Amino acid sequence: MIEELIDKKSGFDITSKSALSHQEDPFTSRSHAAMLAKNDVPYSHKKVADNYTVIKRIYKFQAVQSRITPVDKELLSKYDFSTLEFTTAKQMYDELALLQDWSTSKDTELKADADRIMEIRAKELKFIDANCYATISNEIYKGYVALAHYFEEISKFKS
């Protein structure tokens, strides 16, 4: 009986399947975004996501803002966040969960910084989408894909 359980357990690969996927579907990072979207998402996150979605659908990123400023980079480094191009998907999901908590915090400075970081992340994502590439073309640094999935999940303008 124990051998039978071990055989069944060894056949299950937690990195390739998700509880939100069908039996045949491979694991997707969209499940993490969906799980984050099921939390109490702050209004500021929804507003940024809606803005991103509308610009993406209507303007197709023809009207794009420039790269982030040194002041924006300083705010990111204050909380030990790297730029979006150097962020892995896991780091992005951890950051999004943290920003959700901070945006609902009673500390007004922390709340303002969290909302500003979400705006910075949207600005970085718009720049990456407009240029159709990230300066780091590595499979590891796909934090911008995770952020795009999160925005799609929480936006009221679903596709």
C-alpha atoms as a PDB file:
ATOM      1  CA  MET A   1       0.000   0.000   0.000  1.00  0.00           C
ATOM      2  CA  ILE A   2       2.803   2.468   0.838  1.00  0.00           C
ATOM      3  CA  GLU A   3       4.591   1.624  -2.412  1.00  0.00           C
ATOM      4  CA  GLU A   4       1.371   2.334  -4.278  1.00  0.00           C
ATOM      5  CA  LEU A   5       1.081   5.774  -2.682  1.00  0.00           C
ATOM      6  CA  ILE A   6       4.714   6.559  -3.416  1.00  0.00           C
ATOM      7  CA  ASP A   7       4.237   5.557  -7.058  1.00  0.00           C
ATOM      8  CA  LYS A   8       1.188   7.823  -7.350  1.00  0.00           C
ATOM      9  CA  LYS A   9       2.989  10.680  -5.615  1.00  0.00           C
ATOM     10  CA  SER A  10       6.078  10.439  -7.788  1.00  0.00           C
ATOM     11  CA  GLY A  11       3.900  10.632 -10.915  1.00  0.00           C
ATOM     12  CA  PHE A  12       2.522  14.001  -9.818  1.00  0.00           C
ATOM     13  CA  ASP A  13       4.694  16.935 -10.777  1.00  0.00           C
ATOM     14  CA  ILE A  14       3.607  20.059  -8.909  1.00  0.00           C
ATOM     15  CA  THR A  15       5.499  22.316 -11.300  1.00  0.00           C
ATOM     16  CA  SER A  16       3.707  21.052 -14.385  1.00  0.00           C
ATOM     17  CA  LYS A  17       0.099  20.993 -13.127  1.00  0.00           C
ATOM     18  CA  SER A  18      -2.093  23.464 -11.366  1.00  0.00           C
ATOM     19  CA  ALA A  19      -5.204  23.014  -9.285  1.00  0.00           C
ATOM     20  CA  LEU A  20      -6.953  25.493 -11.595  1.00  0.00           C
ATOM     21  CA  SER A  21      -5.962  23.618 -14.768  1.00  0.00           C
ATOM     22  CA  HIS A  22      -7.651  20.650 -16.385  1.00  0.00           C
ATOM     23  CA  GLN A  23      -5.996  17.242 -16.200  1.00  0.00           C
ATOM     24  CA  GLU A  24      -4.494  17.597 -19.691  1.00  0.00           C
ATOM     25  CA  ASP A  25      -3.472  21.246 -19.419  1.00  0.00           C
ATOM     26  CA  PRO A  26       0.095  22.136 -18.537  1.00  0.00           C
ATOM     27  CA  PHE A  27       0.747  24.442 -15.633  1.00  0.00           C
ATOM     28  CA  THR A  28       0.334  28.094 -16.536  1.00  0.00           C
ATOM     29  CA  SER A  29       1.342  31.252 -14.783  1.00  0.00           C
ATOM     30  CA  ARG A  30      -2.167  32.582 -15.416  1.00  0.00           C
ATOM     31  CA  SER A  31      -3.347  30.456 -12.496  1.00  0.00           C
ATOM     32  CA  HIS A  32      -1.170  32.489 -10.134  1.00  0.00           C
ATOM     33  CA  ALA A  33      -2.570  35.710 -11.581  1.00  0.00           C
ATOM     34  CA  ALA A  34      -6.096  34.378 -11.180  1.00  0.00           C
ATOM     35  CA  MET A  35      -5.437  33.437  -7.575  1.00  0.00           C
ATOM     36  CA  LEU A  36      -4.043  36.901  -6.842  1.00  0.00           C
ATOM     37  CA  ALA A  37      -7.047  38.455  -8.572  1.00  0.00           C
ATOM     38  CA  LYS A  38      -9.387  36.513  -6.274  1.00  0.00           C
ATOM     39  CA  ASN A  39      -7.942  38.379  -3.281  1.00  0.00           C
ATOM     40  CA  ASP A  40      -9.368  41.718  -2.306  1.00  0.00           C
ATOM     41  CA  VAL A  41      -7.822  43.782  -5.070  1.00  0.00           C
ATOM     42  CA  PRO A  42      -7.442  47.457  -4.156  1.00  0.00           C
ATOM     43  CA  TYR A  43      -9.198  50.022  -6.310  1.00  0.00           C
ATOM     44  CA  SER A  44      -5.867  51.594  -7.279  1.00  0.00           C
ATOM     45  CA  HIS A  45      -4.724  48.294  -8.826  1.00  0.00           C
ATOM     46  CA  LYS A  46      -7.971  47.965 -10.777  1.00  0.00           C
ATOM     47  CA  LYS A  47      -7.662  51.543 -12.021  1.00  0.00           C
ATOM     48  CA  VAL A  48      -4.109  50.951 -13.287  1.00  0.00           C
ATOM     49  CA  ALA A  49      -5.162  47.645 -14.888  1.00  0.00           C
ATOM     50  CA  ASP A  50      -8.148  49.246 -16.622  1.00  0.00           C
ATOM     51  CA  ASN A  51      -5.949  52.066 -17.923  1.00  0.00           C
ATOM     52  CA  TYR A  52      -3.422  49.534 -19.250  1.00  0.00           C
ATOM     53  CA  THR A  53      -6.139  47.416 -20.889  1.00  0.00           C
ATOM     54  CA  VAL A  54      -7.857  50.356 -22.580  1.00  0.00           C
ATOM     55  CA  ILE A  55      -4.601  51.729 -23.951  1.00  0.00           C
ATOM     56  CA  LYS A  56      -3.604  48.277 -25.164  1.00  0.00           C
ATOM     57  CA  ARG A  57      -6.915  47.686 -26.962  1.00  0.00           C
ATOM     58  CA  ILE A  58      -7.608  51.120 -28.404  1.00  0.00           C
ATOM     59  CA  TYR A  59      -4.214  52.654 -29.058  1.00  0.00           C
ATOM     60  CA  LYS A  60      -2.170  49.457 -29.461  1.00  0.00           C
ATOM     61  CA  PHE A  61       0.625  51.272 -27.572  1.00  0.00           C
ATOM     62  CA  GLN A  62       1.137  53.895 -30.232  1.00  0.00           C
ATOM     63  CA  ALA A  63       0.872  56.478 -27.468  1.00  0.00           C
ATOM     64  CA  VAL A  64       3.510  55.213 -25.094  1.00  0.00           C
ATOM     65  CA  GLN A  65       5.353  56.921 -22.315  1.00  0.00           C
ATOM     66  CA  SER A  66       9.090  56.918 -22.054  1.00  0.00           C
ATOM     67  CA  ARG A  67      11.152  54.728 -19.767  1.00  0.00           C
ATOM     68  CA  ILE A  68      10.923  55.199 -16.035  1.00  0.00           C
ATOM     69  CA  THR A  69      12.753  58.099 -14.483  1.00  0.00           C
ATOM     70  CA  PRO A  70      15.596  57.916 -11.956  1.00  0.00           C
ATOM     71  CA  VAL A  71      13.112  59.014  -9.285  1.00  0.00           C
ATOM     72  CA  ASP A  72      10.965  55.974 -10.146  1.00  0.00           C
ATOM     73  CA  LYS A  73      14.006  53.691  -9.991  1.00  0.00           C
ATOM     74  CA  GLU A  74      14.881  55.181  -6.617  1.00  0.00           C
ATOM     75  CA  LEU A  75      11.416  54.365  -5.274  1.00  0.00           C
ATOM     76  CA  LEU A  76      11.730  50.783  -6.528  1.00  0.00           C
ATOM     77  CA  SER A  77      15.157  50.386  -4.947  1.00  0.00           C
ATOM     78  CA  LYS A  78      13.843  51.834  -1.667  1.00  0.00           C
ATOM     79  CA  TYR A  79      11.736  48.690  -1.317  1.00  0.00           C
ATOM     80  CA  ASP A  80      14.403  46.437  -2.899  1.00  0.00           C
ATOM     81  CA  PHE A  81      12.478  45.886  -6.148  1.00  0.00           C
ATOM     82  CA  SER A  82      14.356  45.581  -9.415  1.00  0.00           C
ATOM     83  CA  THR A  83      13.108  46.934 -12.721  1.00  0.00           C
ATOM     84  CA  LEU A  84      10.516  44.888 -14.579  1.00  0.00           C
ATOM     85  CA  GLU A  85      13.051  43.624 -17.107  1.00  0.00           C
ATOM     86  CA  PHE A  86      15.080  42.009 -14.333  1.00  0.00           C
ATOM     87  CA  THR A  87      12.137  40.482 -12.470  1.00  0.00           C
ATOM     88  CA  THR A  88      11.199  36.813 -12.570  1.00  0.00           C
ATOM     89  CA  ALA A  89       7.583  35.686 -12.605  1.00  0.00           C
ATOM     90  CA  LYS A  90       7.854  34.399  -9.029  1.00  0.00           C
ATOM     91  CA  GLN A  91       9.306  37.696  -7.839  1.00  0.00           C
ATOM     92  CA  MET A  92       6.487  39.554  -9.609  1.00  0.00           C
ATOM     93  CA  TYR A  93       3.760  37.452  -7.991  1.00  0.00           C
ATOM     94  CA  ASP A  94       5.366  37.938  -4.582  1.00  0.00           C
ATOM     95  CA  GLU A  95       5.612  41.661  -5.257  1.00  0.00           C
ATOM     96  CA  LEU A  96       1.972  41.865  -6.373  1.00  0.00           C
ATOM     97  CA  ALA A  97       0.801  40.115  -3.209  1.00  0.00           C
ATOM     98  CA  LEU A  98       2.909  42.497  -1.139  1.00  0.00           C
ATOM     99  CA  LEU A  99       1.582  45.543  -3.005  1.00  0.00           C
ATOM    100  CA  GLN A 100      -1.994  44.363  -2.445  1.00  0.00           C
ATOM    101  CA  ASP A 101      -1.329  44.277   1.292  1.00  0.00           C
ATOM    102  CA  TRP A 102       0.387  47.647   1.263  1.00  0.00           C
ATOM    103  CA  SER A 103      -2.399  49.285  -0.753  1.00  0.00           C
ATOM    104  CA  THR A 104      -4.907  48.336   1.928  1.00  0.00           C
ATOM    105  CA  SER A 105      -2.603  49.392   4.768  1.00  0.00           C
ATOM    106  CA  LYS A 106      -3.494  52.094   7.264  1.00  0.00           C
ATOM    107  CA  ASP A 107      -0.048  53.645   6.798  1.00  0.00           C
ATOM    108  CA  THR A 108      -0.687  56.442   4.280  1.00  0.00           C
ATOM    109  CA  GLU A 109       2.937  56.724   3.148  1.00  0.00           C
ATOM    110  CA  LEU A 110       3.185  52.994   2.463  1.00  0.00           C
ATOM    111  CA  LYS A 111      -0.166  53.045   0.678  1.00  0.00           C
ATOM    112  CA  ALA A 112       0.908  55.967  -1.522  1.00  0.00           C
ATOM    113  CA  ASP A 113       4.203  54.265  -2.351  1.00  0.00           C
ATOM    114  CA  ALA A 114       2.429  51.004  -3.234  1.00  0.00           C
ATOM    115  CA  ASP A 115       0.059  52.825  -5.567  1.00  0.00           C
ATOM    116  CA  ARG A 116       2.966  54.688  -7.152  1.00  0.00           C
ATOM    117  CA  ILE A 117       4.879  51.416  -7.650  1.00  0.00           C
ATOM    118  CA  MET A 118       1.851  49.950  -9.474  1.00  0.00           C
ATOM    119  CA  GLU A 119       1.853  52.982 -11.783  1.00  0.00           C
ATOM    120  CA  ILE A 120       5.590  52.548 -12.369  1.00  0.00           C
ATOM    121  CA  ARG A 121       5.094  48.877 -13.192  1.00  0.00           C
ATOM    122  CA  ALA A 122       2.349  49.733 -15.687  1.00  0.00           C
ATOM    123  CA  LYS A 123       4.623  52.339 -17.266  1.00  0.00           C
ATOM    124  CA  GLU A 124       7.421  49.772 -17.590  1.00  0.00           C
ATOM    125  CA  LEU A 125       5.023  47.230 -19.080  1.00  0.00           C
ATOM    126  CA  LYS A 126       3.740  49.746 -21.625  1.00  0.00           C
ATOM    127  CA  PHE A 127       7.299  50.494 -22.689  1.00  0.00           C
ATOM    128  CA  ILE A 128       8.155  46.808 -23.069  1.00  0.00           C
ATOM    129  CA  ASP A 129       4.953  46.151 -25.048  1.00  0.00           C
ATOM    130  CA  ALA A 130       5.498  49.165 -27.287  1.00  0.00           C
ATOM    131  CA  ASN A 131       9.025  48.097 -28.174  1.00  0.00           C
ATOM    132  CA  CYS A 132       8.035  44.410 -28.471  1.00  0.00           C
ATOM    133  CA  TYR A 133      11.067  43.293 -26.499  1.00  0.00           C
ATOM    134  CA  ALA A 134      12.835  43.518 -23.213  1.00  0.00           C
ATOM    135  CA  THR A 135      16.527  44.356 -23.070  1.00  0.00           C
ATOM    136  CA  ILE A 136      17.067  41.083 -21.242  1.00  0.00           C
ATOM    137  CA  SER A 137      15.873  38.281 -23.513  1.00  0.00           C
ATOM    138  CA  ASN A 138      16.118  35.429 -21.071  1.00  0.00           C
ATOM    139  CA  GLU A 139      13.405  32.927 -20.252  1.00  0.00           C
ATOM    140  CA  ILE A 140      13.992  33.482 -16.551  1.00  0.00           C
ATOM    141  CA  TYR A 141      13.090  37.175 -16.492  1.00  0.00           C
ATOM    142  CA  LYS A 142       9.420  37.021 -17.478  1.00  0.00           C
ATOM    143  CA  GLY A 143       8.008  39.222 -14.730  1.00  0.00           C
ATOM    144  CA  TYR A 144       6.416  41.471 -17.324  1.00  0.00           C
ATOM    145  CA  VAL A 145       4.326  38.535 -18.597  1.00  0.00           C
ATOM    146  CA  ALA A 146       3.122  37.829 -15.061  1.00  0.00           C
ATOM    147  CA  LEU A 147       2.183  41.489 -14.601  1.00  0.00           C
ATOM    148  CA  ALA A 148       0.278  41.531 -17.905  1.00  0.00           C
ATOM    149  CA  HIS A 149      -1.685  38.426 -16.819  1.00  0.00           C
ATOM    150  CA  TYR A 150      -2.485  40.056 -13.483  1.00  0.00           C
ATOM    151  CA  PHE A 151      -3.762  43.182 -15.209  1.00  0.00           C
ATOM    152  CA  GLU A 152      -5.920  41.086 -17.538  1.00  0.00           C
ATOM    153  CA  GLU A 153      -7.421  39.185 -14.606  1.00  0.00           C
ATOM    154  CA  ILE A 154      -8.363  42.230 -12.511  1.00  0.00           C
ATOM    155  CA  SER A 155      -9.473  44.545 -15.296  1.00  0.00           C
ATOM    156  CA  LYS A 156     -13.184  45.034 -15.833  1.00  0.00           C
ATOM    157  CA  PHE A 157     -12.479  45.111 -19.596  1.00  0.00           C
ATOM    158  CA  LYS A 158     -11.979  41.368 -19.986  1.00  0.00           C
ATOM    159  CA  SER A 159     -11.109  39.924 -23.362  1.00  0.00           C
END
